[in-house]
Amino acid sequence: MQVLIVDDHPLFRDALKSTVSGAFPDALTVDAISLDNAIEILDETTSIDLALFDLGMPDVQGFEGLLQLRKRFPRLPILIVSGLEESDIVQRALEYGAAGFVPKSAGKDAIATAIVEVMQGSVYVPANLDVYHGGRSTELDIKFEEKINSLTVQQLRVLGMLREGMLNKQIAVELSISPTTVKAHVSEILRKLEVGSRTQAVIAASRIDFTPAARTKARSSAMKVGEVPARKS
């Protein structure tokens, strides 16, 4: 079994390697320090069986990173290992296609259990996180998720760059495509999101971000696996 560990913190990557080897002694691990790095690795190999993914990396905007991976590698189980613990964030991660969710504060044994259950085909969520009661999406949320999920991987990337305030020419250079192609992507994004302007698209897309409170908690919460020091992001 090969496990891709996607986390920008070297100490936590090492801790996850130890956790994986404890649960699966014969497993091999591969490191990725960013979302783009993870995509490069997954593009180059088909032998990755599981991805452990941190939602709090610098190049991951809200759930856009998870959405990109789900679109591009739909058969790859993705276990979120995150400093975020709010039930609504856990619920949304599952709705966007995560195979499981475990807080970094849960410790090595819980993460090992999550890995085992996800590899056995189950969806793992810690028992103390009440994600199925009172955390269900409203009808409007469900419709929005359907719209977001209708976007292609490239359209998700373009949308993310629109949110950063990039112009079509800048997006074209970044993605190595023509401005005309960018314009076509933007038009399709507006159509799928059922909005009339780039500004409205950016406002709509902000709904896949975490709440400000969750972002604050992600920066300040203790993230530990065994003896790993607390991490601030």
C-alpha atoms as a PDB file:
ATOM      1  CA  MET A   1       0.000   0.000   0.000  1.00  0.00           C
ATOM      2  CA  GLN A   2       1.204   3.514  -0.801  1.00  0.00           C
ATOM      3  CA  VAL A   3      -0.035   6.525   1.158  1.00  0.00           C
ATOM      4  CA  LEU A   4       0.368  10.127   0.019  1.00  0.00           C
ATOM      5  CA  ILE A   5       0.838  12.514   2.954  1.00  0.00           C
ATOM      6  CA  VAL A   6      -0.129  16.057   1.948  1.00  0.00           C
ATOM      7  CA  ASP A   7       0.950  18.507   4.652  1.00  0.00           C
ATOM      8  CA  ASP A   8       3.301  21.499   4.630  1.00  0.00           C
ATOM      9  CA  HIS A   9       4.589  20.857   8.158  1.00  0.00           C
ATOM     10  CA  PRO A  10       7.635  18.493   8.169  1.00  0.00           C
ATOM     11  CA  LEU A  11       7.225  17.396  11.779  1.00  0.00           C
ATOM     12  CA  PHE A  12       3.626  16.464  11.218  1.00  0.00           C
ATOM     13  CA  ARG A  13       4.487  14.609   8.006  1.00  0.00           C
ATOM     14  CA  ASP A  14       7.022  12.577   9.987  1.00  0.00           C
ATOM     15  CA  ALA A  15       4.427  11.876  12.667  1.00  0.00           C
ATOM     16  CA  LEU A  16       1.935  10.699  10.055  1.00  0.00           C
ATOM     17  CA  LYS A  17       4.572   8.416   8.525  1.00  0.00           C
ATOM     18  CA  SER A  18       5.004   6.824  11.935  1.00  0.00           C
ATOM     19  CA  THR A  19       1.245   6.461  12.307  1.00  0.00           C
ATOM     20  CA  VAL A  20       0.890   4.852   8.879  1.00  0.00           C
ATOM     21  CA  SER A  21       3.735   2.398   9.513  1.00  0.00           C
ATOM     22  CA  GLY A  22       2.165   1.481  12.840  1.00  0.00           C
ATOM     23  CA  ALA A  23      -1.192   0.682  11.212  1.00  0.00           C
ATOM     24  CA  PHE A  24       0.294  -0.847   8.055  1.00  0.00           C
ATOM     25  CA  PRO A  25       3.898  -2.041   8.657  1.00  0.00           C
ATOM     26  CA  ASP A  26       4.477  -2.769   4.948  1.00  0.00           C
ATOM     27  CA  ALA A  27       3.053   0.516   3.690  1.00  0.00           C
ATOM     28  CA  LEU A  28       5.125   3.029   1.743  1.00  0.00           C
ATOM     29  CA  THR A  29       4.612   6.756   2.202  1.00  0.00           C
ATOM     30  CA  VAL A  30       5.121   9.621  -0.230  1.00  0.00           C
ATOM     31  CA  ASP A  31       5.403  13.254   0.867  1.00  0.00           C
ATOM     32  CA  ALA A  32       3.704  16.255  -0.732  1.00  0.00           C
ATOM     33  CA  ILE A  33       4.273  19.722   0.736  1.00  0.00           C
ATOM     34  CA  SER A  34       1.475  21.486  -1.148  1.00  0.00           C
ATOM     35  CA  LEU A  35      -1.656  20.877  -3.193  1.00  0.00           C
ATOM     36  CA  ASP A  36       0.222  21.428  -6.475  1.00  0.00           C
ATOM     37  CA  ASN A  37       2.948  19.019  -5.349  1.00  0.00           C
ATOM     38  CA  ALA A  38       0.292  16.409  -4.531  1.00  0.00           C
ATOM     39  CA  ILE A  39      -1.301  16.785  -7.968  1.00  0.00           C
ATOM     40  CA  GLU A  40       2.096  16.400  -9.654  1.00  0.00           C
ATOM     41  CA  ILE A  41       2.759  13.178  -7.749  1.00  0.00           C
ATOM     42  CA  LEU A  42      -0.693  11.748  -8.460  1.00  0.00           C
ATOM     43  CA  ASP A  43      -0.352  12.630 -12.148  1.00  0.00           C
ATOM     44  CA  GLU A  44       2.889  10.654 -12.295  1.00  0.00           C
ATOM     45  CA  THR A  45       1.749   7.479 -10.561  1.00  0.00           C
ATOM     46  CA  THR A  46      -1.370   5.339 -10.278  1.00  0.00           C
ATOM     47  CA  SER A  47      -0.104   3.380  -7.279  1.00  0.00           C
ATOM     48  CA  ILE A  48      -1.257   5.732  -4.499  1.00  0.00           C
ATOM     49  CA  ASP A  49      -3.961   3.992  -2.448  1.00  0.00           C
ATOM     50  CA  LEU A  50      -4.825   6.712   0.059  1.00  0.00           C
ATOM     51  CA  ALA A  51      -4.208  10.438   0.556  1.00  0.00           C
ATOM     52  CA  LEU A  52      -3.973  12.074   3.978  1.00  0.00           C
ATOM     53  CA  PHE A  53      -4.834  15.696   3.307  1.00  0.00           C
ATOM     54  CA  ASP A  54      -4.461  18.839   5.425  1.00  0.00           C
ATOM     55  CA  LEU A  55      -7.074  21.518   4.738  1.00  0.00           C
ATOM     56  CA  GLY A  56      -4.932  24.241   6.308  1.00  0.00           C
ATOM     57  CA  MET A  57      -2.044  24.469   3.843  1.00  0.00           C
ATOM     58  CA  PRO A  58      -1.145  27.901   2.434  1.00  0.00           C
ATOM     59  CA  ASP A  59      -2.147  27.023  -1.152  1.00  0.00           C
ATOM     60  CA  VAL A  60      -5.504  25.483  -0.173  1.00  0.00           C
ATOM     61  CA  GLN A  61      -8.485  27.871  -0.209  1.00  0.00           C
ATOM     62  CA  GLY A  62     -11.293  26.475   1.875  1.00  0.00           C
ATOM     63  CA  PHE A  63     -12.494  23.253   0.277  1.00  0.00           C
ATOM     64  CA  GLU A  64     -11.181  24.079  -3.208  1.00  0.00           C
ATOM     65  CA  GLY A  65      -8.170  21.798  -2.738  1.00  0.00           C
ATOM     66  CA  LEU A  66     -10.360  18.859  -1.785  1.00  0.00           C
ATOM     67  CA  LEU A  67     -12.670  19.580  -4.712  1.00  0.00           C
ATOM     68  CA  GLN A  68      -9.751  19.665  -7.138  1.00  0.00           C
ATOM     69  CA  LEU A  69      -8.436  16.311  -5.925  1.00  0.00           C
ATOM     70  CA  ARG A  70     -11.895  14.707  -6.034  1.00  0.00           C
ATOM     71  CA  LYS A  71     -12.471  15.935  -9.579  1.00  0.00           C
ATOM     72  CA  ARG A  72      -9.062  14.930 -10.856  1.00  0.00           C
ATOM     73  CA  PHE A  73      -8.648  11.630  -9.001  1.00  0.00           C
ATOM     74  CA  PRO A  74     -12.198  10.420  -8.294  1.00  0.00           C
ATOM     75  CA  ARG A  75     -11.171   6.896  -7.227  1.00  0.00           C
ATOM     76  CA  LEU A  76      -8.598   8.011  -4.658  1.00  0.00           C
ATOM     77  CA  PRO A  77      -9.809   7.844  -1.029  1.00  0.00           C
ATOM     78  CA  ILE A  78      -8.985  11.126   0.737  1.00  0.00           C
ATOM     79  CA  LEU A  79      -8.815  11.190   4.528  1.00  0.00           C
ATOM     80  CA  ILE A  80      -8.825  14.727   5.900  1.00  0.00           C
ATOM     81  CA  VAL A  81      -6.400  15.136   8.812  1.00  0.00           C
ATOM     82  CA  SER A  82      -7.034  18.669   9.991  1.00  0.00           C
ATOM     83  CA  GLY A  83      -6.689  21.139  12.827  1.00  0.00           C
ATOM     84  CA  LEU A  84     -10.315  22.111  12.212  1.00  0.00           C
ATOM     85  CA  GLU A  85     -12.916  20.340  14.331  1.00  0.00           C
ATOM     86  CA  GLU A  86     -16.213  22.179  13.765  1.00  0.00           C
ATOM     87  CA  SER A  87     -19.030  19.784  12.899  1.00  0.00           C
ATOM     88  CA  ASP A  88     -20.231  21.869   9.968  1.00  0.00           C
ATOM     89  CA  ILE A  89     -16.763  21.770   8.384  1.00  0.00           C
ATOM     90  CA  VAL A  90     -16.545  17.998   8.884  1.00  0.00           C
ATOM     91  CA  GLN A  91     -20.013  17.589   7.373  1.00  0.00           C
ATOM     92  CA  ARG A  92     -19.138  19.744   4.373  1.00  0.00           C
ATOM     93  CA  ALA A  93     -15.870  17.861   3.776  1.00  0.00           C
ATOM     94  CA  LEU A  94     -17.802  14.599   3.614  1.00  0.00           C
ATOM     95  CA  GLU A  95     -20.376  16.135   1.274  1.00  0.00           C
ATOM     96  CA  TYR A  96     -17.537  17.268  -0.996  1.00  0.00           C
ATOM     97  CA  GLY A  97     -16.225  13.724  -1.239  1.00  0.00           C
ATOM     98  CA  ALA A  98     -13.795  13.086   1.623  1.00  0.00           C
ATOM     99  CA  ALA A  99     -13.640   9.442   2.711  1.00  0.00           C
ATOM    100  CA  GLY A 100     -13.181  10.461   6.318  1.00  0.00           C
ATOM    101  CA  PHE A 101     -12.212  13.244   8.684  1.00  0.00           C
ATOM    102  CA  VAL A 102     -10.068  13.138  11.800  1.00  0.00           C
ATOM    103  CA  PRO A 103      -8.792  16.132  13.818  1.00  0.00           C
ATOM    104  CA  LYS A 104      -5.043  16.411  14.316  1.00  0.00           C
ATOM    105  CA  SER A 105      -5.699  16.853  18.025  1.00  0.00           C
ATOM    106  CA  ALA A 106      -7.218  13.349  18.144  1.00  0.00           C
ATOM    107  CA  GLY A 107      -3.790  11.723  18.441  1.00  0.00           C
ATOM    108  CA  LYS A 108      -1.963   8.827  16.799  1.00  0.00           C
ATOM    109  CA  ASP A 109      -4.329   5.995  17.750  1.00  0.00           C
ATOM    110  CA  ALA A 110      -7.417   7.764  16.372  1.00  0.00           C
ATOM    111  CA  ILE A 111      -5.657   8.635  13.125  1.00  0.00           C
ATOM    112  CA  ALA A 112      -4.473   5.033  12.770  1.00  0.00           C
ATOM    113  CA  THR A 113      -8.057   3.831  13.307  1.00  0.00           C
ATOM    114  CA  ALA A 114      -9.289   6.290  10.682  1.00  0.00           C
ATOM    115  CA  ILE A 115      -6.741   5.020   8.156  1.00  0.00           C
ATOM    116  CA  VAL A 116      -7.721   1.406   8.767  1.00  0.00           C
ATOM    117  CA  GLU A 117     -11.459   2.089   8.450  1.00  0.00           C
ATOM    118  CA  VAL A 118     -11.106   4.190   5.288  1.00  0.00           C
ATOM    119  CA  MET A 119      -8.916   1.531   3.662  1.00  0.00           C
ATOM    120  CA  GLN A 120     -11.605  -1.017   4.514  1.00  0.00           C
ATOM    121  CA  GLY A 121     -14.140   1.066   2.624  1.00  0.00           C
ATOM    122  CA  SER A 122     -15.831   2.804   5.548  1.00  0.00           C
ATOM    123  CA  VAL A 123     -16.352   6.530   6.062  1.00  0.00           C
ATOM    124  CA  TYR A 124     -14.622   7.568   9.265  1.00  0.00           C
ATOM    125  CA  VAL A 125     -15.690  10.376  11.587  1.00  0.00           C
ATOM    126  CA  PRO A 126     -14.801  10.500  15.311  1.00  0.00           C
ATOM    127  CA  ALA A 127     -17.758   9.588  17.506  1.00  0.00           C
ATOM    128  CA  ASN A 128     -17.565  12.888  19.385  1.00  0.00           C
ATOM    129  CA  LEU A 129     -18.222  14.931  16.238  1.00  0.00           C
ATOM    130  CA  ASP A 130     -21.986  15.087  15.714  1.00  0.00           C
ATOM    131  CA  VAL A 131     -22.009  15.681  11.979  1.00  0.00           C
ATOM    132  CA  TYR A 132     -25.260  13.930  11.131  1.00  0.00           C
ATOM    133  CA  HIS A 133     -27.573  15.685  13.571  1.00  0.00           C
ATOM    134  CA  GLY A 134     -28.294  19.359  13.169  1.00  0.00           C
ATOM    135  CA  GLY A 135     -25.462  19.723  10.665  1.00  0.00           C
ATOM    136  CA  ARG A 136     -27.313  18.831   7.508  1.00  0.00           C
ATOM    137  CA  SER A 137     -27.067  21.265   4.635  1.00  0.00           C
ATOM    138  CA  THR A 138     -30.095  23.328   3.778  1.00  0.00           C
ATOM    139  CA  GLU A 139     -31.757  22.938   0.389  1.00  0.00           C
ATOM    140  CA  LEU A 140     -29.951  26.070  -0.803  1.00  0.00           C
ATOM    141  CA  ASP A 141     -26.608  24.635   0.349  1.00  0.00           C
ATOM    142  CA  ILE A 142     -27.277  21.391  -1.498  1.00  0.00           C
ATOM    143  CA  LYS A 143     -28.104  23.262  -4.697  1.00  0.00           C
ATOM    144  CA  PHE A 144     -24.929  25.314  -4.344  1.00  0.00           C
ATOM    145  CA  GLU A 145     -22.838  22.163  -3.818  1.00  0.00           C
ATOM    146  CA  GLU A 146     -24.350  20.687  -6.973  1.00  0.00           C
ATOM    147  CA  LYS A 147     -23.334  23.811  -8.892  1.00  0.00           C
ATOM    148  CA  ILE A 148     -19.788  23.751  -7.522  1.00  0.00           C
ATOM    149  CA  ASN A 149     -19.460  20.036  -8.239  1.00  0.00           C
ATOM    150  CA  SER A 150     -20.488  20.644 -11.851  1.00  0.00           C
ATOM    151  CA  LEU A 151     -17.313  22.665 -12.437  1.00  0.00           C
ATOM    152  CA  THR A 152     -14.362  20.941 -14.069  1.00  0.00           C
ATOM    153  CA  VAL A 153     -10.928  20.846 -12.446  1.00  0.00           C
ATOM    154  CA  GLN A 154      -9.710  23.654 -14.699  1.00  0.00           C
ATOM    155  CA  GLN A 155     -12.797  25.739 -13.979  1.00  0.00           C
ATOM    156  CA  LEU A 156     -12.200  25.309 -10.241  1.00  0.00           C
ATOM    157  CA  ARG A 157      -8.642  26.565 -10.711  1.00  0.00           C
ATOM    158  CA  VAL A 158      -9.847  29.550 -12.720  1.00  0.00           C
ATOM    159  CA  LEU A 159     -12.477  30.316 -10.088  1.00  0.00           C
ATOM    160  CA  GLY A 160      -9.809  30.230  -7.383  1.00  0.00           C
ATOM    161  CA  MET A 161      -7.713  32.714  -9.347  1.00  0.00           C
ATOM    162  CA  LEU A 162     -10.716  34.978  -9.866  1.00  0.00           C
ATOM    163  CA  ARG A 163     -11.098  35.023  -6.108  1.00  0.00           C
ATOM    164  CA  GLU A 164      -7.493  36.200  -5.837  1.00  0.00           C
ATOM    165  CA  GLY A 165      -8.346  39.152  -8.104  1.00  0.00           C
ATOM    166  CA  MET A 166      -6.336  37.922 -11.099  1.00  0.00           C
ATOM    167  CA  LEU A 167      -7.132  39.228 -14.577  1.00  0.00           C
ATOM    168  CA  ASN A 168      -7.751  36.964 -17.560  1.00  0.00           C
ATOM    169  CA  LYS A 169      -4.262  37.635 -18.940  1.00  0.00           C
ATOM    170  CA  GLN A 170      -2.683  36.727 -15.610  1.00  0.00           C
ATOM    171  CA  ILE A 171      -4.726  33.538 -15.362  1.00  0.00           C
ATOM    172  CA  ALA A 172      -3.733  32.642 -18.931  1.00  0.00           C
ATOM    173  CA  VAL A 173      -0.035  32.947 -18.075  1.00  0.00           C
ATOM    174  CA  GLU A 174      -0.438  31.005 -14.832  1.00  0.00           C
ATOM    175  CA  LEU A 175      -2.284  28.121 -16.509  1.00  0.00           C
ATOM    176  CA  SER A 176      -0.367  28.272 -19.821  1.00  0.00           C
ATOM    177  CA  ILE A 177      -3.552  28.733 -21.834  1.00  0.00           C
ATOM    178  CA  SER A 178      -4.820  31.507 -24.096  1.00  0.00           C
ATOM    179  CA  PRO A 179      -6.826  34.490 -22.807  1.00  0.00           C
ATOM    180  CA  THR A 180      -9.630  33.354 -25.096  1.00  0.00           C
ATOM    181  CA  THR A 181      -9.719  29.996 -23.318  1.00  0.00           C
ATOM    182  CA  VAL A 182      -9.780  31.759 -19.946  1.00  0.00           C
ATOM    183  CA  LYS A 183     -12.704  33.876 -21.126  1.00  0.00           C
ATOM    184  CA  ALA A 184     -14.549  30.724 -22.179  1.00  0.00           C
ATOM    185  CA  HIS A 185     -13.912  29.147 -18.762  1.00  0.00           C
ATOM    186  CA  VAL A 186     -15.180  32.265 -16.988  1.00  0.00           C
ATOM    187  CA  SER A 187     -18.343  32.295 -19.090  1.00  0.00           C
ATOM    188  CA  GLU A 188     -18.962  28.646 -18.283  1.00  0.00           C
ATOM    189  CA  ILE A 189     -18.349  29.250 -14.573  1.00  0.00           C
ATOM    190  CA  LEU A 190     -20.914  32.059 -14.578  1.00  0.00           C
ATOM    191  CA  ARG A 191     -23.404  29.835 -16.381  1.00  0.00           C
ATOM    192  CA  LYS A 192     -22.951  26.884 -14.029  1.00  0.00           C
ATOM    193  CA  LEU A 193     -23.094  29.012 -10.884  1.00  0.00           C
ATOM    194  CA  GLU A 194     -26.092  30.885 -12.327  1.00  0.00           C
ATOM    195  CA  VAL A 195     -24.593  34.325 -11.677  1.00  0.00           C
ATOM    196  CA  GLY A 196     -24.280  37.342 -13.956  1.00  0.00           C
ATOM    197  CA  SER A 197     -20.794  38.667 -13.242  1.00  0.00           C
ATOM    198  CA  ARG A 198     -17.306  37.767 -12.061  1.00  0.00           C
ATOM    199  CA  THR A 199     -17.975  39.602  -8.809  1.00  0.00           C
ATOM    200  CA  GLN A 200     -21.085  37.534  -8.133  1.00  0.00           C
ATOM    201  CA  ALA A 201     -19.109  34.366  -8.920  1.00  0.00           C
ATOM    202  CA  VAL A 202     -16.436  35.341  -6.396  1.00  0.00           C
ATOM    203  CA  ILE A 203     -19.084  36.104  -3.760  1.00  0.00           C
ATOM    204  CA  ALA A 204     -20.780  32.759  -4.419  1.00  0.00           C
ATOM    205  CA  ALA A 205     -17.478  30.879  -4.289  1.00  0.00           C
ATOM    206  CA  SER A 206     -16.639  32.358  -0.904  1.00  0.00           C
ATOM    207  CA  ARG A 207     -19.267  29.998   0.510  1.00  0.00           C
ATOM    208  CA  ILE A 208     -16.844  27.088   0.165  1.00  0.00           C
ATOM    209  CA  ASP A 209     -14.415  28.801   2.549  1.00  0.00           C
ATOM    210  CA  PHE A 210     -14.251  27.997   6.219  1.00  0.00           C
ATOM    211  CA  THR A 211     -15.924  30.347   8.669  1.00  0.00           C
ATOM    212  CA  PRO A 212     -13.700  33.059  10.198  1.00  0.00           C
ATOM    213  CA  ALA A 213     -14.033  31.366  13.576  1.00  0.00           C
ATOM    214  CA  ALA A 214     -12.814  28.085  12.126  1.00  0.00           C
ATOM    215  CA  ARG A 215      -9.847  29.792  10.483  1.00  0.00           C
ATOM    216  CA  THR A 216      -8.914  31.346  13.836  1.00  0.00           C
ATOM    217  CA  LYS A 217      -9.189  28.007  15.528  1.00  0.00           C
ATOM    218  CA  ALA A 218      -7.058  26.364  12.843  1.00  0.00           C
ATOM    219  CA  ARG A 219      -4.278  28.864  13.549  1.00  0.00           C
ATOM    220  CA  SER A 220      -4.370  28.496  17.308  1.00  0.00           C
ATOM    221  CA  SER A 221      -5.463  24.922  18.056  1.00  0.00           C
ATOM    222  CA  ALA A 222      -2.981  22.325  19.239  1.00  0.00           C
ATOM    223  CA  MET A 223      -2.206  19.769  16.549  1.00  0.00           C
ATOM    224  CA  LYS A 224      -0.551  16.696  17.967  1.00  0.00           C
ATOM    225  CA  VAL A 225       0.230  13.169  16.976  1.00  0.00           C
ATOM    226  CA  GLY A 226       2.064  11.475  19.808  1.00  0.00           C
ATOM    227  CA  GLU A 227       4.752  13.991  20.786  1.00  0.00           C
ATOM    228  CA  VAL A 228       4.423  16.345  17.811  1.00  0.00           C
ATOM    229  CA  PRO A 229       4.602  19.989  18.966  1.00  0.00           C
ATOM    230  CA  ALA A 230       1.632  22.284  18.578  1.00  0.00           C
ATOM    231  CA  ARG A 231       1.415  23.857  15.158  1.00  0.00           C
ATOM    232  CA  LYS A 232       0.284  27.343  14.240  1.00  0.00           C
ATOM    233  CA  SER A 233      -0.586  28.265  10.664  1.00  0.00           C
END
